[in-house]
Every structure is written in structure tokens, then in C-alpha cells.
Amino acid sequence: MLELRPNCECCDRDLPFDSAEARICTFECTFCAGCVDGALKGVCPNCGGGFVPRPIRPARLMEKYPASTKRVLKPAGCAA
């Protein structure tokens, strides 16, 4: 099951479980569409893979299967 991380690793933008702006790689590195399309140019800085839109978990399942609350952030942002 996907963690549904709560933020962009580069700019720390909030990405709620139902955000259409969330992008993930195969390791669930999570970034916003703006950082993926801009600074990252479609390549994950952690693994070198590509991104896909993160699936949206149905709201009715959020109580049983909550999204992660652990924020992951690259201290230097997307430029590093």
C-alpha cells in the first residue's frame, strides 16, 4: 500500500491524499508537479527514475488506511 507522503520533498508544498498535483517514482519519492516539471525535469533526484501521478486513495478508506504524516524534505531543495 502506498504511503501517500504529505509533502513535496523539494519545496515542502503540502500534498494531501487527494492531491492531483502529487507525483511519485517507483520508490514513492514524492514531489509536486511544479518541481517535477520544472527543476527536476521529470527525473527523480533520489533514484534517477521517472514520475507518474500519485493515485488518489478513496476518502472512505482513509480512516482504515491513513496517509503518512512523516514529512520528507531535501534540506537543499531541488537544486541539490
N, C-alpha and C. Protein backbone atom coordinates (compact mmCIF):
# COMPACT_ATOMS: atom_id res chain seq x y z
N MET A 1 0.84 -1.17 0.00
CA MET A 1 0.00 0.00 0.00
C MET A 1 0.89 1.24 0.00
N LEU A 2 0.55 2.21 -0.80
CA LEU A 2 1.31 3.46 -0.88
C LEU A 2 1.24 4.24 0.43
N GLU A 3 2.36 4.88 0.77
CA GLU A 3 2.41 5.69 1.99
C GLU A 3 1.59 6.97 1.88
N LEU A 4 1.47 7.51 0.68
CA LEU A 4 0.82 8.81 0.46
C LEU A 4 1.47 9.87 1.34
N ARG A 5 2.73 10.13 1.05
CA ARG A 5 3.51 11.11 1.81
C ARG A 5 2.87 12.50 1.70
N PRO A 6 2.96 13.30 2.75
CA PRO A 6 2.18 14.53 2.84
C PRO A 6 2.77 15.79 2.19
N ASN A 7 3.97 15.68 1.59
CA ASN A 7 4.59 16.90 1.08
C ASN A 7 5.55 16.62 -0.07
N CYS A 8 5.90 17.70 -0.77
CA CYS A 8 6.91 17.63 -1.82
C CYS A 8 8.29 17.64 -1.17
N GLU A 9 9.15 16.72 -1.57
CA GLU A 9 10.48 16.62 -0.99
C GLU A 9 11.36 17.83 -1.33
N CYS A 10 11.02 18.56 -2.37
CA CYS A 10 11.85 19.72 -2.76
C CYS A 10 11.37 21.03 -2.13
N CYS A 11 10.12 21.37 -2.34
CA CYS A 11 9.63 22.69 -1.91
C CYS A 11 8.78 22.63 -0.65
N ASP A 12 8.52 21.44 -0.14
CA ASP A 12 7.73 21.22 1.07
C ASP A 12 6.26 21.61 0.92
N ARG A 13 5.79 21.73 -0.31
CA ARG A 13 4.37 22.01 -0.56
C ARG A 13 3.54 20.87 0.00
N ASP A 14 2.43 21.20 0.65
CA ASP A 14 1.51 20.18 1.15
C ASP A 14 0.88 19.44 -0.02
N LEU A 15 0.84 18.12 0.08
CA LEU A 15 0.21 17.27 -0.94
C LEU A 15 -0.75 16.32 -0.23
N PRO A 16 -1.98 16.77 0.02
CA PRO A 16 -2.96 15.93 0.69
C PRO A 16 -3.20 14.63 -0.08
N PHE A 17 -3.80 13.67 0.57
CA PHE A 17 -4.02 12.35 -0.04
C PHE A 17 -4.77 12.43 -1.36
N ASP A 18 -5.57 13.46 -1.55
CA ASP A 18 -6.38 13.58 -2.76
C ASP A 18 -5.84 14.61 -3.76
N SER A 19 -4.56 14.98 -3.60
CA SER A 19 -3.97 15.98 -4.48
C SER A 19 -3.69 15.42 -5.87
N ALA A 20 -4.17 16.12 -6.87
CA ALA A 20 -3.88 15.76 -8.27
C ALA A 20 -2.50 16.26 -8.68
N GLU A 21 -1.83 17.02 -7.81
CA GLU A 21 -0.51 17.59 -8.10
C GLU A 21 0.64 16.70 -7.62
N ALA A 22 0.35 15.62 -6.90
CA ALA A 22 1.39 14.74 -6.36
C ALA A 22 1.94 13.82 -7.44
N ARG A 23 3.25 13.66 -7.47
CA ARG A 23 3.94 12.76 -8.39
C ARG A 23 4.85 11.85 -7.58
N ILE A 24 4.95 10.59 -7.99
CA ILE A 24 5.81 9.63 -7.30
C ILE A 24 6.65 8.85 -8.31
N CYS A 25 7.80 8.36 -7.82
CA CYS A 25 8.62 7.45 -8.62
C CYS A 25 8.36 6.04 -8.09
N THR A 26 9.08 5.05 -8.58
CA THR A 26 8.83 3.67 -8.15
C THR A 26 9.21 3.41 -6.71
N PHE A 27 9.98 4.32 -6.09
CA PHE A 27 10.34 4.17 -4.68
C PHE A 27 9.47 5.05 -3.78
N GLU A 28 8.42 5.63 -4.35
CA GLU A 28 7.49 6.51 -3.65
C GLU A 28 8.09 7.85 -3.24
N CYS A 29 9.23 8.21 -3.83
CA CYS A 29 9.72 9.57 -3.63
C CYS A 29 8.59 10.46 -4.11
N THR A 30 8.27 11.49 -3.36
CA THR A 30 7.08 12.29 -3.63
C THR A 30 7.43 13.75 -3.87
N PHE A 31 6.94 14.28 -4.98
CA PHE A 31 7.21 15.65 -5.37
C PHE A 31 5.94 16.25 -5.96
N CYS A 32 5.87 17.57 -5.99
CA CYS A 32 4.72 18.22 -6.62
C CYS A 32 4.97 18.32 -8.13
N ALA A 33 3.91 18.48 -8.88
CA ALA A 33 4.00 18.57 -10.33
C ALA A 33 4.89 19.73 -10.76
N GLY A 34 4.85 20.85 -10.02
CA GLY A 34 5.67 22.01 -10.37
C GLY A 34 7.15 21.71 -10.31
N CYS A 35 7.59 21.03 -9.25
CA CYS A 35 9.01 20.69 -9.12
C CYS A 35 9.41 19.62 -10.14
N VAL A 36 8.53 18.64 -10.37
CA VAL A 36 8.83 17.58 -11.35
C VAL A 36 9.00 18.17 -12.74
N ASP A 37 8.08 19.04 -13.13
CA ASP A 37 8.12 19.62 -14.48
C ASP A 37 9.19 20.70 -14.61
N GLY A 38 9.52 21.36 -13.50
CA GLY A 38 10.48 22.45 -13.53
C GLY A 38 11.89 22.00 -13.21
N ALA A 39 12.28 22.18 -11.97
CA ALA A 39 13.66 21.93 -11.54
C ALA A 39 14.13 20.50 -11.78
N LEU A 40 13.25 19.52 -11.62
CA LEU A 40 13.67 18.12 -11.75
C LEU A 40 13.64 17.60 -13.18
N LYS A 41 12.96 18.30 -14.06
CA LYS A 41 12.88 17.91 -15.48
C LYS A 41 12.47 16.45 -15.66
N GLY A 42 11.55 15.99 -14.79
CA GLY A 42 10.99 14.65 -14.92
C GLY A 42 11.84 13.52 -14.42
N VAL A 43 12.96 13.81 -13.75
CA VAL A 43 13.87 12.76 -13.27
C VAL A 43 13.98 12.84 -11.75
N CYS A 44 13.75 11.73 -11.07
CA CYS A 44 13.84 11.69 -9.61
C CYS A 44 15.29 11.91 -9.18
N PRO A 45 15.54 12.88 -8.30
CA PRO A 45 16.90 13.15 -7.86
C PRO A 45 17.45 12.08 -6.91
N ASN A 46 16.57 11.24 -6.40
CA ASN A 46 16.99 10.19 -5.47
C ASN A 46 17.39 8.90 -6.16
N CYS A 47 16.64 8.52 -7.19
CA CYS A 47 16.90 7.22 -7.82
C CYS A 47 17.16 7.30 -9.33
N GLY A 48 16.87 8.46 -9.93
CA GLY A 48 17.09 8.62 -11.36
C GLY A 48 15.94 8.13 -12.22
N GLY A 49 14.87 7.67 -11.59
CA GLY A 49 13.71 7.18 -12.34
C GLY A 49 12.77 8.30 -12.74
N GLY A 50 11.71 7.91 -13.41
CA GLY A 50 10.70 8.86 -13.84
C GLY A 50 9.57 8.96 -12.83
N PHE A 51 8.58 9.78 -13.14
CA PHE A 51 7.45 10.02 -12.25
C PHE A 51 6.13 9.69 -12.93
N VAL A 52 5.14 9.38 -12.11
CA VAL A 52 3.76 9.21 -12.54
C VAL A 52 2.88 9.94 -11.53
N PRO A 53 1.66 10.31 -11.94
CA PRO A 53 0.75 10.90 -10.97
C PRO A 53 0.48 9.90 -9.84
N ARG A 54 0.47 10.39 -8.60
CA ARG A 54 0.19 9.50 -7.47
C ARG A 54 -1.29 9.17 -7.46
N PRO A 55 -1.64 7.89 -7.31
CA PRO A 55 -3.07 7.53 -7.23
C PRO A 55 -3.73 8.19 -6.02
N ILE A 56 -5.02 8.43 -6.15
CA ILE A 56 -5.79 9.03 -5.05
C ILE A 56 -6.56 7.93 -4.34
N ARG A 57 -6.28 7.79 -3.05
CA ARG A 57 -7.00 6.80 -2.24
C ARG A 57 -8.40 7.33 -1.97
N PRO A 58 -9.42 6.49 -2.14
CA PRO A 58 -10.79 6.95 -1.86
C PRO A 58 -10.92 7.43 -0.41
N ALA A 59 -11.61 8.55 -0.23
CA ALA A 59 -11.78 9.15 1.09
C ALA A 59 -12.38 8.17 2.08
N ARG A 60 -13.25 7.29 1.63
CA ARG A 60 -13.90 6.34 2.53
C ARG A 60 -12.93 5.34 3.14
N LEU A 61 -11.73 5.21 2.56
CA LEU A 61 -10.73 4.27 3.07
C LEU A 61 -9.66 4.94 3.92
N MET A 62 -9.70 6.25 4.03
CA MET A 62 -8.66 6.97 4.75
C MET A 62 -8.61 6.67 6.24
N GLU A 63 -9.74 6.39 6.86
CA GLU A 63 -9.73 6.08 8.29
C GLU A 63 -9.05 4.73 8.53
N LYS A 64 -9.36 3.77 7.70
CA LYS A 64 -8.78 2.43 7.86
C LYS A 64 -7.33 2.39 7.37
N TYR A 65 -7.03 3.13 6.31
CA TYR A 65 -5.70 3.16 5.70
C TYR A 65 -5.23 4.61 5.56
N PRO A 66 -4.83 5.23 6.67
CA PRO A 66 -4.47 6.65 6.63
C PRO A 66 -3.18 6.93 5.85
N ALA A 67 -3.09 8.14 5.36
CA ALA A 67 -1.88 8.60 4.68
C ALA A 67 -0.78 8.81 5.71
N SER A 68 0.45 8.78 5.26
CA SER A 68 1.59 9.03 6.13
C SER A 68 1.56 10.48 6.62
N THR A 69 2.07 10.70 7.81
CA THR A 69 2.22 12.06 8.33
C THR A 69 3.70 12.46 8.40
N LYS A 70 4.58 11.53 8.03
CA LYS A 70 6.02 11.79 8.07
C LYS A 70 6.43 12.62 6.86
N ARG A 71 6.95 13.82 7.12
CA ARG A 71 7.39 14.70 6.05
C ARG A 71 8.83 14.38 5.70
N VAL A 72 9.10 14.24 4.40
CA VAL A 72 10.45 14.00 3.89
C VAL A 72 10.83 15.25 3.11
N LEU A 73 12.00 15.80 3.42
CA LEU A 73 12.40 17.04 2.77
C LEU A 73 13.88 17.03 2.48
N LYS A 74 14.24 17.39 1.27
CA LYS A 74 15.65 17.53 0.91
C LYS A 74 16.10 18.89 1.45
N PRO A 75 17.02 18.92 2.40
CA PRO A 75 17.42 20.19 3.03
C PRO A 75 17.84 21.28 2.04
N ALA A 76 18.45 20.91 0.94
CA ALA A 76 18.89 21.89 -0.05
C ALA A 76 17.86 22.13 -1.15
N GLY A 77 16.70 21.49 -1.06
CA GLY A 77 15.67 21.65 -2.07
C GLY A 77 16.01 20.94 -3.36
N CYS A 78 15.38 21.37 -4.44
CA CYS A 78 15.56 20.72 -5.74
C CYS A 78 16.91 20.98 -6.38
N ALA A 79 17.58 22.01 -5.95
CA ALA A 79 18.85 22.38 -6.59
C ALA A 79 19.98 21.43 -6.26
N ALA A 80 19.85 20.68 -5.17
CA ALA A 80 20.96 19.80 -4.75
C ALA A 80 21.03 18.55 -5.57
